[in-house]
């Protein structure tokens, strides 16, 4: 597959330097640039066309969300991963809608960083379980008591079966195919088939959009 070109964008020197040091020992990852703000990140993407961008949210001149929007518009094949803290939950949905491929917590274990970059490079979606739990709690808290009939109507409209809804709930909770298979006593192949059917019924291309649609259409009302 060749080297994975990575760009790091963060306004803190310490974070940029630390992430580069962590990745330096990885034989298949090449850090091609460091940006201190969103504007620099967009410019460095023009120069290096990285495969993966690690993007801070709060930066001067241009924040990470606007930079993500511009990078995805110019380079749709570049995967952008947001670097976040628990305090940034309000920005999660906005960044995903801007085209981010997911999130990494700044407090992650160093050994998780390279693994996460490889997953995103392969086209996987990254939503850490800690963040997914908060997202689900917020969304279901806001929808469970309001218009339950509306939620049922939307479910019927998309034709999702109870089993598909079970898979969707676990998918939204941040679980991968193996974990979903284990929890529902299915094979991974069967889970993939369910997920493909869910994408088709919801008319979405991937997990991120399935998560967003599940919220928008009140499919998470338990």
Protein backbone atom coordinates (compact mmCIF):
# COMPACT_ATOMS: atom_id res chain seq x y z
CA UNK A 1 0.00 0.00 0.00
CA UNK A 2 2.99 2.32 0.37
CA UNK A 3 3.56 5.07 2.89
CA UNK A 4 0.62 6.82 4.52
CA UNK A 5 1.23 10.57 4.29
CA UNK A 6 0.01 12.37 7.41
CA UNK A 7 -0.44 16.09 8.11
CA UNK A 8 -0.78 17.31 11.70
CA UNK A 9 -2.68 20.55 12.38
CA UNK A 10 -2.73 21.93 15.95
CA UNK A 11 -1.99 25.38 17.34
CA UNK A 12 -0.05 23.97 20.29
CA UNK A 13 3.62 23.25 19.58
CA UNK A 14 3.65 20.56 22.26
CA UNK A 15 0.77 18.60 20.70
CA UNK A 16 2.22 18.80 17.18
CA UNK A 17 5.65 17.75 18.38
CA UNK A 18 4.33 14.93 20.54
CA UNK A 19 2.19 13.46 17.75
CA UNK A 20 5.10 13.60 15.32
CA UNK A 21 7.39 11.85 17.81
CA UNK A 22 4.80 9.11 18.41
CA UNK A 23 4.48 8.51 14.66
CA UNK A 24 8.19 8.70 13.88
CA UNK A 25 8.73 5.06 14.76
CA UNK A 26 6.05 3.78 12.37
CA UNK A 27 7.56 2.36 9.18
CA UNK A 28 4.44 2.88 7.07
CA UNK A 29 3.61 6.45 8.21
CA UNK A 30 5.32 9.63 7.00
CA UNK A 31 4.49 12.96 8.67
CA UNK A 32 4.72 15.33 5.67
CA UNK A 33 3.77 18.58 7.38
CA UNK A 34 2.86 20.45 10.57
CA UNK A 35 0.31 23.27 10.57
CA UNK A 36 -0.38 25.76 13.38
CA UNK A 37 -3.83 26.82 12.09
CA UNK A 38 -6.52 25.85 9.62
CA UNK A 39 -5.25 28.14 6.87
CA UNK A 40 -1.81 26.53 7.01
CA UNK A 41 -3.45 23.09 6.99
CA UNK A 42 -5.28 23.86 3.73
CA UNK A 43 -2.09 25.25 2.16
CA UNK A 44 0.00 22.25 3.25
CA UNK A 45 -2.64 19.92 1.81
CA UNK A 46 -2.15 21.67 -1.53
CA UNK A 47 1.60 21.08 -1.31
CA UNK A 48 1.66 17.51 0.00
CA UNK A 49 -1.79 15.99 -0.69
CA UNK A 50 -1.67 13.87 2.49
CA UNK A 51 -3.76 10.74 2.89
CA UNK A 52 -4.77 11.59 6.48
CA UNK A 53 -4.99 14.93 8.33
CA UNK A 54 -5.07 15.06 12.15
CA UNK A 55 -7.04 18.27 12.75
CA UNK A 56 -7.47 20.24 15.96
CA UNK A 57 -10.84 22.00 16.28
CA UNK A 58 -9.90 25.28 17.97
CA UNK A 59 -7.18 27.13 16.04
CA UNK A 60 -6.53 30.79 15.14
CA UNK A 61 -7.11 32.31 11.67
CA UNK A 62 -9.25 29.35 10.54
CA UNK A 63 -10.73 26.72 12.84
CA UNK A 64 -10.54 23.00 12.18
CA UNK A 65 -14.13 22.67 11.02
CA UNK A 66 -13.82 25.28 8.26
CA UNK A 67 -10.41 23.86 7.28
CA UNK A 68 -11.99 20.39 7.07
CA UNK A 69 -14.77 21.75 4.86
CA UNK A 70 -12.25 23.32 2.47
CA UNK A 71 -9.91 20.32 2.39
CA UNK A 72 -12.75 17.86 1.68
CA UNK A 73 -13.99 20.16 -1.09
CA UNK A 74 -10.55 20.38 -2.71
CA UNK A 75 -9.30 16.87 -1.91
CA UNK A 76 -12.26 14.52 -1.32
CA UNK A 77 -9.96 11.49 -0.99
CA UNK A 78 -8.06 13.01 1.95
CA UNK A 79 -9.35 11.67 5.28
CA UNK A 80 -9.61 14.24 8.09
CA UNK A 81 -9.65 13.07 11.72
CA UNK A 82 -10.56 15.61 14.39
CA UNK A 83 -8.46 15.83 17.54
CA UNK A 84 -10.83 16.56 20.38
CA UNK A 85 -11.54 16.64 24.10
CA UNK A 86 -14.77 15.85 25.92
CA UNK A 87 -15.46 19.59 26.06
CA UNK A 88 -15.80 19.75 22.28
CA UNK A 89 -18.97 17.66 22.05
CA UNK A 90 -20.96 20.59 20.62
CA UNK A 91 -18.65 20.57 17.61
CA UNK A 92 -18.83 16.84 16.90
CA UNK A 93 -21.86 16.93 14.65
CA UNK A 94 -20.70 20.03 12.77
CA UNK A 95 -17.31 18.50 11.96
CA UNK A 96 -18.84 15.19 10.84
CA UNK A 97 -21.21 17.11 8.58
CA UNK A 98 -18.18 19.00 7.19
CA UNK A 99 -16.73 15.68 6.08
CA UNK A 100 -14.54 14.52 8.97
CA UNK A 101 -13.92 10.77 9.03
CA UNK A 102 -14.22 10.69 12.80
CA UNK A 103 -12.60 11.65 16.05
CA UNK A 104 -9.63 10.92 18.25
CA UNK A 105 -9.44 12.02 21.86
CA UNK A 106 -6.30 13.98 22.68
CA UNK A 107 -6.06 11.84 25.80
CA UNK A 108 -5.73 8.65 23.73
CA UNK A 109 -3.02 6.07 24.31
CA UNK A 110 -0.03 6.72 22.00
CA UNK A 111 -0.18 3.18 20.60
CA UNK A 112 -3.77 3.85 19.42
CA UNK A 113 -2.71 6.71 17.15
CA UNK A 114 -0.99 4.73 14.38
CA UNK A 115 -3.69 2.04 14.46
CA UNK A 116 -6.37 4.72 14.07
CA UNK A 117 -4.55 6.36 11.15
CA UNK A 118 -4.32 3.02 9.33
CA UNK A 119 -8.04 2.37 9.89
CA UNK A 120 -9.02 5.77 8.50
CA UNK A 121 -6.65 5.34 5.55
CA UNK A 122 -8.53 2.11 4.72
CA UNK A 123 -11.81 4.01 4.71
CA UNK A 124 -13.04 3.14 8.21
CA UNK A 125 -14.90 5.61 10.42
CA UNK A 126 -13.52 6.59 13.82
CA UNK A 127 -15.92 7.41 16.64
CA UNK A 128 -14.36 6.57 20.02
CA UNK A 129 -16.79 4.69 22.24
CA UNK A 130 -16.48 7.32 24.97
CA UNK A 131 -17.70 10.00 22.56
CA UNK A 132 -20.34 7.76 20.99
CA UNK A 133 -21.87 7.11 24.41
CA UNK A 134 -22.15 10.85 25.09
CA UNK A 135 -23.66 11.46 21.64
CA UNK A 136 -26.23 8.68 22.09
CA UNK A 137 -27.10 9.88 25.61
CA UNK A 138 -27.63 13.43 24.38
CA UNK A 139 -29.67 12.42 21.35
CA UNK A 140 -31.88 9.86 23.07
CA UNK A 141 -32.34 12.18 26.04
CA UNK A 142 -33.70 14.79 23.69
CA UNK A 143 -35.91 12.50 21.63
CA UNK A 144 -37.14 9.74 23.92
CA UNK A 145 -39.82 11.84 25.61
CA UNK A 146 -40.84 13.90 22.59
CA UNK A 147 -43.10 12.70 19.81
CA UNK A 148 -42.58 8.94 20.20
CA UNK A 149 -45.17 8.39 17.49
CA UNK A 150 -43.08 10.47 15.10
CA UNK A 151 -40.12 8.17 15.70
CA UNK A 152 -42.23 5.12 14.90
CA UNK A 153 -43.51 6.68 11.71
CA UNK A 154 -39.98 7.45 10.53
CA UNK A 155 -38.84 3.89 11.27
CA UNK A 156 -41.74 2.48 9.29
CA UNK A 157 -40.93 4.90 6.48
CA UNK A 158 -37.43 3.51 6.10
CA UNK A 159 -38.61 -0.05 6.51
CA UNK A 160 -35.96 -0.97 9.09
CA UNK A 161 -36.67 -4.27 10.81
CA UNK A 162 -36.22 -4.66 14.58
CA UNK A 163 -33.01 -6.61 13.94
CA UNK A 164 -31.67 -3.86 11.67
CA UNK A 165 -32.50 -1.30 14.36
CA UNK A 166 -30.56 -3.43 16.87
CA UNK A 167 -27.54 -3.35 14.55
CA UNK A 168 -27.97 0.39 13.93
CA UNK A 169 -28.05 1.16 17.67
CA UNK A 170 -24.82 -0.75 18.25
CA UNK A 171 -23.22 0.83 15.18
CA UNK A 172 -24.12 4.30 16.48
CA UNK A 173 -22.73 3.34 19.89
CA UNK A 174 -19.29 3.12 18.29
CA UNK A 175 -19.00 -0.67 18.16
CA UNK A 176 -17.16 -2.30 15.28
CA UNK A 177 -18.48 -5.24 13.25
CA UNK A 178 -16.80 -7.82 15.45
CA UNK A 179 -18.32 -6.36 18.63
CA UNK A 180 -21.77 -6.12 17.02
CA UNK A 181 -21.51 -9.75 15.90
CA UNK A 182 -20.51 -10.86 19.40
CA UNK A 183 -23.33 -8.92 21.09
CA UNK A 184 -26.07 -10.12 18.72
CA UNK A 185 -24.68 -13.68 18.32
CA UNK A 186 -24.19 -13.24 14.58
CA UNK A 187 -21.28 -13.83 12.21
CA UNK A 188 -19.30 -10.79 11.02
CA UNK A 189 -20.45 -11.54 7.47
CA UNK A 190 -24.09 -11.36 8.55
CA UNK A 191 -23.43 -8.07 10.35
CA UNK A 192 -21.86 -6.65 7.16
CA UNK A 193 -24.96 -7.68 5.23
CA UNK A 194 -27.23 -6.01 7.79
CA UNK A 195 -25.14 -2.82 7.66
CA UNK A 196 -25.24 -2.78 3.84
CA UNK A 197 -29.02 -3.12 3.98
CA UNK A 198 -29.24 -0.32 6.56
CA UNK A 199 -27.13 1.99 4.36
CA UNK A 200 -29.35 1.16 1.40
CA UNK A 201 -32.61 1.78 3.27
CA UNK A 202 -31.36 5.02 4.82
CA UNK A 203 -29.76 6.03 1.50
CA UNK A 204 -26.40 6.81 3.13
CA UNK A 205 -22.86 5.87 2.00
CA UNK A 206 -21.17 5.13 5.33
CA UNK A 207 -21.30 4.93 9.14
CA UNK A 208 -20.91 8.65 9.74
CA UNK A 209 -23.96 9.48 7.63
CA UNK A 210 -25.91 6.60 9.15
CA UNK A 211 -25.20 8.08 12.61
CA UNK A 212 -26.29 11.56 11.48
CA UNK A 213 -29.46 10.26 9.82
CA UNK A 214 -30.30 8.16 12.87
CA UNK A 215 -30.31 11.39 14.88
CA UNK A 216 -32.10 13.55 12.31
CA UNK A 217 -34.85 11.03 11.71
CA UNK A 218 -35.32 10.13 15.38
CA UNK A 219 -34.32 6.50 14.80
CA UNK A 220 -32.56 6.36 18.19
CA UNK A 221 -35.75 6.64 20.25
CA UNK A 222 -35.44 3.56 22.44
